[in-house]
PDB file of N, CA and C in Angstrom:
ATOM      1  N   MET A   1     159.684  75.186  90.415  1.00  0.00           N
ATOM      2  CA  MET A   1     160.466  76.328  90.484  1.00  0.00           C
ATOM      3  C   MET A   1     159.656  77.521  90.562  1.00  0.00           C
ATOM      4  N   GLN A   2     158.502  77.428  89.703  1.00  0.00           N
ATOM      5  CA  GLN A   2     157.444  78.611  89.543  1.00  0.00           C
ATOM      6  C   GLN A   2     156.563  79.062  90.499  1.00  0.00           C
ATOM      7  N   LYS A   3     156.294  78.149  91.448  1.00  0.00           N
ATOM      8  CA  LYS A   3     155.247  78.485  92.640  1.00  0.00           C
ATOM      9  C   LYS A   3     155.875  79.015  93.643  1.00  0.00           C
ATOM     10  N   PRO A   4     157.167  78.695  93.983  1.00  0.00           N
ATOM     11  CA  PRO A   4     158.170  79.813  94.953  1.00  0.00           C
ATOM     12  C   PRO A   4     158.229  81.275  94.453  1.00  0.00           C
ATOM     13  N   LEU A   5     158.890  81.163  93.507  1.00  0.00           N
ATOM     14  CA  LEU A   5     158.959  82.548  92.927  1.00  0.00           C
ATOM     15  C   LEU A   5     157.416  83.356  92.696  1.00  0.00           C
ATOM     16  N   LEU A   6     156.574  82.741  92.369  1.00  0.00           N
ATOM     17  CA  LEU A   6     155.169  83.213  92.153  1.00  0.00           C
ATOM     18  C   LEU A   6     155.026  83.656  93.458  1.00  0.00           C
ATOM     19  N   VAL A   7     155.012  83.033  94.483  1.00  0.00           N
ATOM     20  CA  VAL A   7     154.524  83.330  96.050  1.00  0.00           C
ATOM     21  C   VAL A   7     155.416  84.361  96.709  1.00  0.00           C
ATOM     22  N   TRP A   8     156.603  84.605  96.167  1.00  0.00           N
ATOM     23  CA  TRP A   8     157.573  85.611  96.478  1.00  0.00           C
ATOM     24  C   TRP A   8     157.289  86.813  96.164  1.00  0.00           C
ATOM     25  N   ILE A   9     157.025  86.699  94.639  1.00  0.00           N
ATOM     26  CA  ILE A   9     156.361  88.104  94.289  1.00  0.00           C
ATOM     27  C   ILE A   9     154.953  88.504  94.756  1.00  0.00           C
ATOM     28  N   ILE A  10     154.061  87.434  94.971  1.00  0.00           N
ATOM     29  CA  ILE A  10     152.876  88.257  95.942  1.00  0.00           C
ATOM     30  C   ILE A  10     153.013  88.819  97.301  1.00  0.00           C
ATOM     31  N   VAL A  11     154.141  87.785  97.951  1.00  0.00           N
ATOM     32  CA  VAL A  11     154.426  88.346  99.328  1.00  0.00           C
ATOM     33  C   VAL A  11     154.648  89.819  99.612  1.00  0.00           C
ATOM     34  N   MET A  12     155.925  89.869  98.574  1.00  0.00           N
ATOM     35  CA  MET A  12     156.879  90.937  98.447  1.00  0.00           C
ATOM     36  C   MET A  12     155.806  92.327  98.177  1.00  0.00           C
ATOM     37  N   SER A  13     154.780  91.648  97.111  1.00  0.00           N
ATOM     38  CA  SER A  13     153.954  92.889  96.550  1.00  0.00           C
ATOM     39  C   SER A  13     153.008  93.463  97.760  1.00  0.00           C
ATOM     40  N   ILE A  14     152.338  92.410  98.492  1.00  0.00           N
ATOM     41  CA  ILE A  14     151.462  92.805  99.504  1.00  0.00           C
ATOM     42  C   ILE A  14     152.323  93.541 100.285  1.00  0.00           C
ATOM     43  N   TRP A  15     153.792  93.476 100.742  1.00  0.00           N
ATOM     44  CA  TRP A  15     154.280  93.800 101.776  1.00  0.00           C
ATOM     45  C   TRP A  15     154.417  95.213 101.436  1.00  0.00           C
ATOM     46  N   ALA A  16     154.773  95.498 100.281  1.00  0.00           N
ATOM     47  CA  ALA A  16     155.090  96.945  99.368  1.00  0.00           C
ATOM     48  C   ALA A  16     153.996  97.305  99.434  1.00  0.00           C
ATOM     49  N   PHE A  17     152.947  97.496  98.991  1.00  0.00           N
ATOM     50  CA  PHE A  17     151.712  98.001  99.212  1.00  0.00           C
ATOM     51  C   PHE A  17     151.281  98.107 100.577  1.00  0.00           C
ATOM     52  N   LEU A  18     151.174  97.523 101.398  1.00  0.00           N
ATOM     53  CA  LEU A  18     151.070  97.855 102.853  1.00  0.00           C
ATOM     54  C   LEU A  18     152.180  98.781 103.099  1.00  0.00           C
ATOM     55  N   ALA A  19     153.200  98.943 102.973  1.00  0.00           N
ATOM     56  CA  ALA A  19     154.388 100.124 103.244  1.00  0.00           C
ATOM     57  C   ALA A  19     153.584 100.972 102.533  1.00  0.00           C
ATOM     58  N   MET A  20     153.694 101.470 101.633  1.00  0.00           N
ATOM     59  CA  MET A  20     153.231 102.533 100.778  1.00  0.00           C
ATOM     60  C   MET A  20     151.876 103.397 101.561  1.00  0.00           C
ATOM     61  N   GLY A  21     151.057 102.185 101.918  1.00  0.00           N
ATOM     62  CA  GLY A  21     149.543 102.905 102.672  1.00  0.00           C
ATOM     63  C   GLY A  21     150.093 103.348 104.179  1.00  0.00           C
ATOM     64  N   PHE A  22     151.044 102.416 104.739  1.00  0.00           N
ATOM     65  CA  PHE A  22     151.396 102.996 106.070  1.00  0.00           C
ATOM     66  C   PHE A  22     152.236 104.236 105.948  1.00  0.00           C
ATOM     67  N   ASP A  23     153.222 104.548 104.857  1.00  0.00           N
ATOM     68  CA  ASP A  23     153.939 105.705 104.915  1.00  0.00           C
ATOM     69  C   ASP A  23     153.070 106.524 104.686  1.00  0.00           C
ATOM     70  N   LYS A  24     151.905 106.538 103.964  1.00  0.00           N
ATOM     71  CA  LYS A  24     151.235 107.787 103.373  1.00  0.00           C
ATOM     72  C   LYS A  24     150.306 108.351 104.656  1.00  0.00           C
ATOM     73  N   ARG A  25     150.214 107.266 105.367  1.00  0.00           N
ATOM     74  CA  ARG A  25     149.171 107.345 106.592  1.00  0.00           C
ATOM     75  C   ARG A  25     150.271 108.413 107.357  1.00  0.00           C
ATOM     76  N   GLN A  26     151.374 107.619 107.767  1.00  0.00           N
ATOM     77  CA  GLN A  26     152.355 108.308 108.661  1.00  0.00           C
ATOM     78  C   GLN A  26     152.931 109.799 108.018  1.00  0.00           C
ATOM     79  N   ALA A  27     153.178 110.155 106.999  1.00  0.00           N
ATOM     80  CA  ALA A  27     153.104 111.508 106.366  1.00  0.00           C
ATOM     81  C   ALA A  27     152.066 112.194 106.910  1.00  0.00           C
ATOM     82  N   GLU A  28     150.875 111.638 106.576  1.00  0.00           N
ATOM     83  CA  GLU A  28     149.240 112.612 107.086  1.00  0.00           C
ATOM     84  C   GLU A  28     149.547 112.977 108.489  1.00  0.00           C
ATOM     85  N   LYS A  29     150.319 112.168 109.380  1.00  0.00           N
ATOM     86  CA  LYS A  29     149.911 112.188 110.983  1.00  0.00           C
ATOM     87  C   LYS A  29     151.440 113.307 111.473  1.00  0.00           C
ATOM     88  N   HIS A  30     152.210 113.468 110.103  1.00  0.00           N
ATOM     89  CA  HIS A  30     153.648 114.100 110.873  1.00  0.00           C
ATOM     90  C   HIS A  30     154.248 113.351 111.561  1.00  0.00           C
ATOM     91  N   ALA A  31     154.419 111.613 111.219  1.00  0.00           N
ATOM     92  CA  ALA A  31     155.015 110.999 112.123  1.00  0.00           C
ATOM     93  C   ALA A  31     156.277 110.477 111.503  1.00  0.00           C
ATOM     94  N   SER A  32     156.603 109.211 112.266  1.00  0.00           N
ATOM     95  CA  SER A  32     157.714 108.585 111.896  1.00  0.00           C
ATOM     96  C   SER A  32     157.588 108.025 110.555  1.00  0.00           C
ATOM     97  N   ARG A  33     158.766 108.339 109.505  1.00  0.00           N
ATOM     98  CA  ARG A  33     158.264 107.556 108.082  1.00  0.00           C
ATOM     99  C   ARG A  33     158.965 106.400 107.742  1.00  0.00           C
ATOM    100  N   VAL A  34     158.370 105.545 106.804  1.00  0.00           N
ATOM    101  CA  VAL A  34     159.487 104.704 106.153  1.00  0.00           C
ATOM    102  C   VAL A  34     160.726 105.084 105.166  1.00  0.00           C
ATOM    103  N   PRO A  35     161.835 104.918 105.462  1.00  0.00           N
ATOM    104  CA  PRO A  35     162.561 105.538 104.726  1.00  0.00           C
ATOM    105  C   PRO A  35     162.234 105.034 103.371  1.00  0.00           C
ATOM    106  N   GLU A  36     162.900 105.928 102.177  1.00  0.00           N
ATOM    107  CA  GLU A  36     162.544 105.747 100.798  1.00  0.00           C
ATOM    108  C   GLU A  36     163.199 104.245 100.405  1.00  0.00           C
ATOM    109  N   LYS A  37     164.604 104.555 100.782  1.00  0.00           N
ATOM    110  CA  LYS A  37     165.158 103.497 100.371  1.00  0.00           C
ATOM    111  C   LYS A  37     165.079 101.821 100.699  1.00  0.00           C
ATOM    112  N   ASN A  38     163.955 101.956 102.003  1.00  0.00           N
ATOM    113  CA  ASN A  38     163.138 100.624 102.183  1.00  0.00           C
ATOM    114  C   ASN A  38     162.039 100.322 101.293  1.00  0.00           C
ATOM    115  N   LEU A  39     161.566 101.552 100.642  1.00  0.00           N
ATOM    116  CA  LEU A  39     160.357 101.320  99.539  1.00  0.00           C
ATOM    117  C   LEU A  39     161.016 100.824  98.613  1.00  0.00           C
ATOM    118  N   TRP A  40     162.179 101.316  98.215  1.00  0.00           N
ATOM    119  CA  TRP A  40     162.795 101.003  96.853  1.00  0.00           C
ATOM    120  C   TRP A  40     163.193  99.205  96.940  1.00  0.00           C
ATOM    121  N   LEU A  41     163.849  99.283  98.419  1.00  0.00           N
ATOM    122  CA  LEU A  41     164.160  97.774  98.437  1.00  0.00           C
ATOM    123  C   LEU A  41     163.309  96.846  98.192  1.00  0.00           C
ATOM    124  N   LEU A  42     162.031  96.911  98.767  1.00  0.00           N
ATOM    125  CA  LEU A  42     160.758  96.104  98.687  1.00  0.00           C
ATOM    126  C   LEU A  42     160.715  96.085  97.369  1.00  0.00           C
ATOM    127  N   ALA A  43     160.361  97.194  96.328  1.00  0.00           N
ATOM    128  CA  ALA A  43     160.080  97.153  95.120  1.00  0.00           C
ATOM    129  C   ALA A  43     161.105  96.104  94.390  1.00  0.00           C
ATOM    130  N   ILE A  44     162.032  96.318  94.558  1.00  0.00           N
ATOM    131  CA  ILE A  44     163.319  95.637  93.880  1.00  0.00           C
ATOM    132  C   ILE A  44     163.329  94.393  94.021  1.00  0.00           C
ATOM    133  N   ILE A  45     163.153  93.931  95.327  1.00  0.00           N
ATOM    134  CA  ILE A  45     163.171  92.254  95.469  1.00  0.00           C
ATOM    135  C   ILE A  45     162.147  91.554  95.304  1.00  0.00           C
ATOM    136  N   GLY A  46     160.780  92.315  94.774  1.00  0.00           N
ATOM    137  CA  GLY A  46     159.855  91.271  94.270  1.00  0.00           C
ATOM    138  C   GLY A  46     158.485  92.195  94.304  1.00  0.00           C
ATOM    139  N   GLY A  47     158.736  93.358  95.282  1.00  0.00           N
ATOM    140  CA  GLY A  47     157.520  93.896  95.545  1.00  0.00           C
ATOM    141  C   GLY A  47     156.980  95.198  94.424  1.00  0.00           C
ATOM    142  N   GLY A  48     157.732  94.955  93.184  1.00  0.00           N
ATOM    143  CA  GLY A  48     157.351  95.927  92.226  1.00  0.00           C
ATOM    144  C   GLY A  48     156.079  96.485  91.894  1.00  0.00           C
ATOM    145  N   ILE A  49     155.098  95.411  91.800  1.00  0.00           N
ATOM    146  CA  ILE A  49     154.005  95.456  91.545  1.00  0.00           C
ATOM    147  C   ILE A  49     152.769  95.945  92.337  1.00  0.00           C
ATOM    148  N   GLY A  50     153.390  95.589  93.539  1.00  0.00           N
ATOM    149  CA  GLY A  50     152.302  95.910  94.944  1.00  0.00           C
ATOM    150  C   GLY A  50     153.129  97.528  95.267  1.00  0.00           C
ATOM    151  N   ALA A  51     154.303  97.999  94.848  1.00  0.00           N
ATOM    152  CA  ALA A  51     154.709  99.545  95.362  1.00  0.00           C
ATOM    153  C   ALA A  51     154.082 100.173  94.438  1.00  0.00           C
ATOM    154  N   TYR A  52     153.772  99.829  93.166  1.00  0.00           N
ATOM    155  CA  TYR A  52     153.311 100.558  92.031  1.00  0.00           C
ATOM    156  C   TYR A  52     151.818 100.819  92.208  1.00  0.00           C
ATOM    157  N   LEU A  53     150.995  99.798  92.663  1.00  0.00           N
ATOM    158  CA  LEU A  53     149.544  99.658  92.705  1.00  0.00           C
ATOM    159  C   LEU A  53     149.663 100.551  94.338  1.00  0.00           C
ATOM    160  N   GLY A  54     150.153 100.518  95.281  1.00  0.00           N
ATOM    161  CA  GLY A  54     150.062 101.161  96.481  1.00  0.00           C
ATOM    162  C   GLY A  54     150.314 102.733  96.146  1.00  0.00           C
ATOM    163  N   MET A  55     151.470 102.928  95.277  1.00  0.00           N
ATOM    164  CA  MET A  55     151.894 104.196  95.004  1.00  0.00           C
ATOM    165  C   MET A  55     150.120 105.288  94.347  1.00  0.00           C
ATOM    166  N   GLN A  56     149.680 104.193  93.383  1.00  0.00           N
ATOM    167  CA  GLN A  56     148.582 104.824  92.994  1.00  0.00           C
ATOM    168  C   GLN A  56     147.260 104.672  93.368  1.00  0.00           C
ATOM    169  N   THR A  57     146.966 103.849  94.459  1.00  0.00           N
ATOM    170  CA  THR A  57     145.929 103.600  95.204  1.00  0.00           C
ATOM    171  C   THR A  57     146.098 104.624  96.616  1.00  0.00           C
ATOM    172  N   PHE A  58     147.272 104.888  96.951  1.00  0.00           N
ATOM    173  CA  PHE A  58     147.319 105.726  98.213  1.00  0.00           C
ATOM    174  C   PHE A  58     147.813 107.005  97.815  1.00  0.00           C
ATOM    175  N   ARG A  59     147.892 107.536  96.457  1.00  0.00           N
ATOM    176  CA  ARG A  59     148.197 108.601  95.830  1.00  0.00           C
ATOM    177  C   ARG A  59     149.752 109.303  96.691  1.00  0.00           C
ATOM    178  N   HIS A  60     150.356 108.279  96.912  1.00  0.00           N
ATOM    179  CA  HIS A  60     151.387 108.331  97.634  1.00  0.00           C
ATOM    180  C   HIS A  60     153.015 108.209  96.616  1.00  0.00           C
ATOM    181  N   LYS A  61     153.912 109.671  97.006  1.00  0.00           N
ATOM    182  CA  LYS A  61     155.196 109.628  95.932  1.00  0.00           C
ATOM    183  C   LYS A  61     155.010 109.958  94.659  1.00  0.00           C
ATOM    184  N   THR A  62     153.528 110.191  94.273  1.00  0.00           N
ATOM    185  CA  THR A  62     153.322 110.553  92.681  1.00  0.00           C
ATOM    186  C   THR A  62     153.917 111.543  92.104  1.00  0.00           C
ATOM    187  N   ARG A  63     154.409 112.516  92.779  1.00  0.00           N
ATOM    188  CA  ARG A  63     155.384 113.797  92.554  1.00  0.00           C
ATOM    189  C   ARG A  63     156.598 113.525  92.069  1.00  0.00           C
ATOM    190  N   LYS A  64     157.122 112.393  92.488  1.00  0.00           N
ATOM    191  CA  LYS A  64     158.352 112.173  92.554  1.00  0.00           C
ATOM    192  C   LYS A  64     158.451 111.290  91.293  1.00  0.00           C
ATOM    193  N   THR A  65     159.189 112.091  90.180  1.00  0.00           N
ATOM    194  CA  THR A  65     159.333 111.104  88.984  1.00  0.00           C
ATOM    195  C   THR A  65     160.175 109.884  89.252  1.00  0.00           C
ATOM    196  N   SER A  66     160.964 109.626  90.053  1.00  0.00           N
ATOM    197  CA  SER A  66     162.012 108.555  90.293  1.00  0.00           C
ATOM    198  C   SER A  66     160.933 107.694  90.766  1.00  0.00           C
ATOM    199  N   PHE A  67     160.209 107.903  91.198  1.00  0.00           N
ATOM    200  CA  PHE A  67     158.978 106.647  91.718  1.00  0.00           C
ATOM    201  C   PHE A  67     157.758 106.506  90.827  1.00  0.00           C
ATOM    202  N   ARG A  68     157.469 107.462  90.268  1.00  0.00           N
ATOM    203  CA  ARG A  68     156.654 107.000  89.327  1.00  0.00           C
ATOM    204  C   ARG A  68     157.283 106.303  87.943  1.00  0.00           C
ATOM    205  N   VAL A  69     158.279 106.595  87.641  1.00  0.00           N
ATOM    206  CA  VAL A  69     159.064 105.704  86.415  1.00  0.00           C
ATOM    207  C   VAL A  69     159.137 104.490  87.158  1.00  0.00           C
ATOM    208  N   GLY A  70     160.346 104.480  88.158  1.00  0.00           N
ATOM    209  CA  GLY A  70     160.693 103.553  88.607  1.00  0.00           C
ATOM    210  C   GLY A  70     159.998 102.226  88.941  1.00  0.00           C
ATOM    211  N   PHE A  71     158.934 102.462  89.995  1.00  0.00           N
ATOM    212  CA  PHE A  71     157.951 101.821  90.097  1.00  0.00           C
ATOM    213  C   PHE A  71     157.278 101.525  89.190  1.00  0.00           C
ATOM    214  N   LEU A  72     157.219 101.874  87.870  1.00  0.00           N
ATOM    215  CA  LEU A  72     156.121 101.612  86.888  1.00  0.00           C
ATOM    216  C   LEU A  72     157.014 100.326  86.193  1.00  0.00           C
ATOM    217  N   MET A  73     158.564 100.886  85.981  1.00  0.00           N
ATOM    218  CA  MET A  73     159.382  99.745  85.190  1.00  0.00           C
ATOM    219  C   MET A  73     159.568  98.566  86.316  1.00  0.00           C
ATOM    220  N   LEU A  74     159.058  98.584  87.577  1.00  0.00           N
ATOM    221  CA  LEU A  74     159.633  97.671  88.158  1.00  0.00           C
ATOM    222  C   LEU A  74     158.427  96.610  88.101  1.00  0.00           C
ATOM    223  N   ALA A  75     157.451  97.389  87.968  1.00  0.00           N
ATOM    224  CA  ALA A  75     156.009  96.414  88.035  1.00  0.00           C
ATOM    225  C   ALA A  75     155.927  95.614  86.550  1.00  0.00           C
ATOM    226  N   LEU A  76     156.295  96.710  85.589  1.00  0.00           N
ATOM    227  CA  LEU A  76     156.325  95.763  84.188  1.00  0.00           C
ATOM    228  C   LEU A  76     157.315  94.726  84.141  1.00  0.00           C
ATOM    229  N   LEU A  77     158.409  94.843  84.934  1.00  0.00           N
ATOM    230  CA  LEU A  77     159.408  93.772  84.581  1.00  0.00           C
ATOM    231  C   LEU A  77     158.742  92.543  85.375  1.00  0.00           C
ATOM    232  N   TYR A  78     158.071  92.707  86.392  1.00  0.00           N
ATOM    233  CA  TYR A  78     157.621  91.801  87.342  1.00  0.00           C
ATOM    234  C   TYR A  78     156.397  91.072  86.624  1.00  0.00           C
ATOM    235  N   ILE A  79     155.849  91.347  86.069  1.00  0.00           N
ATOM    236  CA  ILE A  79     154.654  91.301  85.442  1.00  0.00           C
ATOM    237  C   ILE A  79     155.062  90.454  84.035  1.00  0.00           C
ATOM    238  N   PHE A  80     156.169  90.967  83.008  1.00  0.00           N
ATOM    239  CA  PHE A  80     156.985  90.083  82.431  1.00  0.00           C
ATOM    240  C   PHE A  80     157.300  88.964  82.867  1.00  0.00           C
ATOM    241  N   PHE A  81     158.241  89.105  83.749  1.00  0.00           N
ATOM    242  CA  PHE A  81     158.899  87.868  84.728  1.00  0.00           C
ATOM    243  C   PHE A  81     157.446  86.592  85.163  1.00  0.00           C
ATOM    244  N   ILE A  82     156.576  86.969  85.551  1.00  0.00           N
ATOM    245  CA  ILE A  82     155.255  86.139  86.054  1.00  0.00           C
ATOM    246  C   ILE A  82     154.909  85.375  84.542  1.00  0.00           C
ATOM    247  N   LEU A  83     154.679  86.411  83.522  1.00  0.00           N
ATOM    248  CA  LEU A  83     154.085  85.745  82.308  1.00  0.00           C
ATOM    249  C   LEU A  83     155.114  84.591  81.725  1.00  0.00           C
ATOM    250  N   TYR A  84     156.387  85.004  81.907  1.00  0.00           N
ATOM    251  CA  TYR A  84     157.627  84.171  81.488  1.00  0.00           C
ATOM    252  C   TYR A  84     157.626  82.737  82.270  1.00  0.00           C
ATOM    253  N   LEU A  85     157.599  82.820  83.463  1.00  0.00           N
ATOM    254  CA  LEU A  85     157.112  81.681  84.208  1.00  0.00           C
ATOM    255  C   LEU A  85     156.198  80.959  83.689  1.00  0.00           C
ATOM    256  N   PHE A  86     155.055  81.207  83.442  1.00  0.00           N
ATOM    257  CA  PHE A  86     153.920  80.397  82.919  1.00  0.00           C
ATOM    258  C   PHE A  86     153.905  80.015  81.455  1.00  0.00           C
ATOM    259  N   GLY A  87     155.013  80.396  81.013  1.00  0.00           N
ATOM    260  CA  GLY A  87     155.357  79.887  79.424  1.00  0.00           C
ATOM    261  C   GLY A  87     154.701  80.738  78.684  1.00  0.00           C
ATOM    262  N   PHE A  88     154.217  81.908  78.786  1.00  0.00           N
ATOM    263  CA  PHE A  88     153.590  82.828  77.587  1.00  0.00           C
ATOM    264  C   PHE A  88     154.796  83.269  76.699  1.00  0.00           C
ATOM    265  N   VAL A  89     154.348  83.228  75.613  1.00  0.00           N
ATOM    266  CA  VAL A  89     155.704  83.430  74.669  1.00  0.00           C
ATOM    267  C   VAL A  89     155.051  84.690  73.538  1.00  0.00           C
ATOM    268  N   VAL A  90     156.145  85.241  73.604  1.00  0.00           N
ATOM    269  CA  VAL A  90     155.427  86.670  72.569  1.00  0.00           C
ATOM    270  C   VAL A  90     155.589  86.144  71.062  1.00  0.00           C
ATOM    271  N   PRO A  91     154.568  86.306  70.320  1.00  0.00           N
ATOM    272  CA  PRO A  91     154.577  86.013  68.969  1.00  0.00           C
ATOM    273  C   PRO A  91     155.505  86.689  68.490  1.00  0.00           C
ATOM    274  N   SER A  92     156.482  85.823  67.476  1.00  0.00           N
ATOM    275  CA  SER A  92     157.002  86.580  66.800  1.00  0.00           C
ATOM    276  C   SER A  92     156.577  86.832  65.310  1.00  0.00           C
ATOM    277  N   VAL A  93     157.335  88.002  64.542  1.00  0.00           N
ATOM    278  CA  VAL A  93     156.600  88.310  63.160  1.00  0.00           C
ATOM    279  C   VAL A  93     157.623  87.716  62.291  1.00  0.00           C
ATOM    280  N   THR A  94     157.462  87.166  61.354  1.00  0.00           N
ATOM    281  CA  THR A  94     158.154  86.262  60.455  1.00  0.00           C
ATOM    282  C   THR A  94     158.089  86.962  58.922  1.00  0.00           C
ATOM    283  N   PRO A  95     159.162  87.301  58.312  1.00  0.00           N
ATOM    284  CA  PRO A  95     158.795  87.898  57.092  1.00  0.00           C
ATOM    285  C   PRO A  95     157.967  86.917  55.863  1.00  0.00           C
ATOM    286  N   VAL A  96     157.594  87.335  55.234  1.00  0.00           N
ATOM    287  CA  VAL A  96     156.969  86.428  54.220  1.00  0.00           C
ATOM    288  C   VAL A  96     158.142  86.225  52.845  1.00  0.00           C
TER     289      VAL A  96
END
């Protein structure tokens, strides 16, 4: 079950990254844009890491607080989820 979920996250992250780059290029050309709801949908359904990396790489949507904070939170959520899939356990502190 790990592999399909990991592949899904990778594919969606690549798609979200490319969508951010495409939207940035369209914005510069004053052409038809990718709706914000589509960017959010890609980030939510698995592309949070790619959306955040695309935002930083292309310097796109960085002035919008909702994108900066939301995409960062989704990226962190998916990173933690990937770590969980691979059995990473956070060490707990036990009182002496």
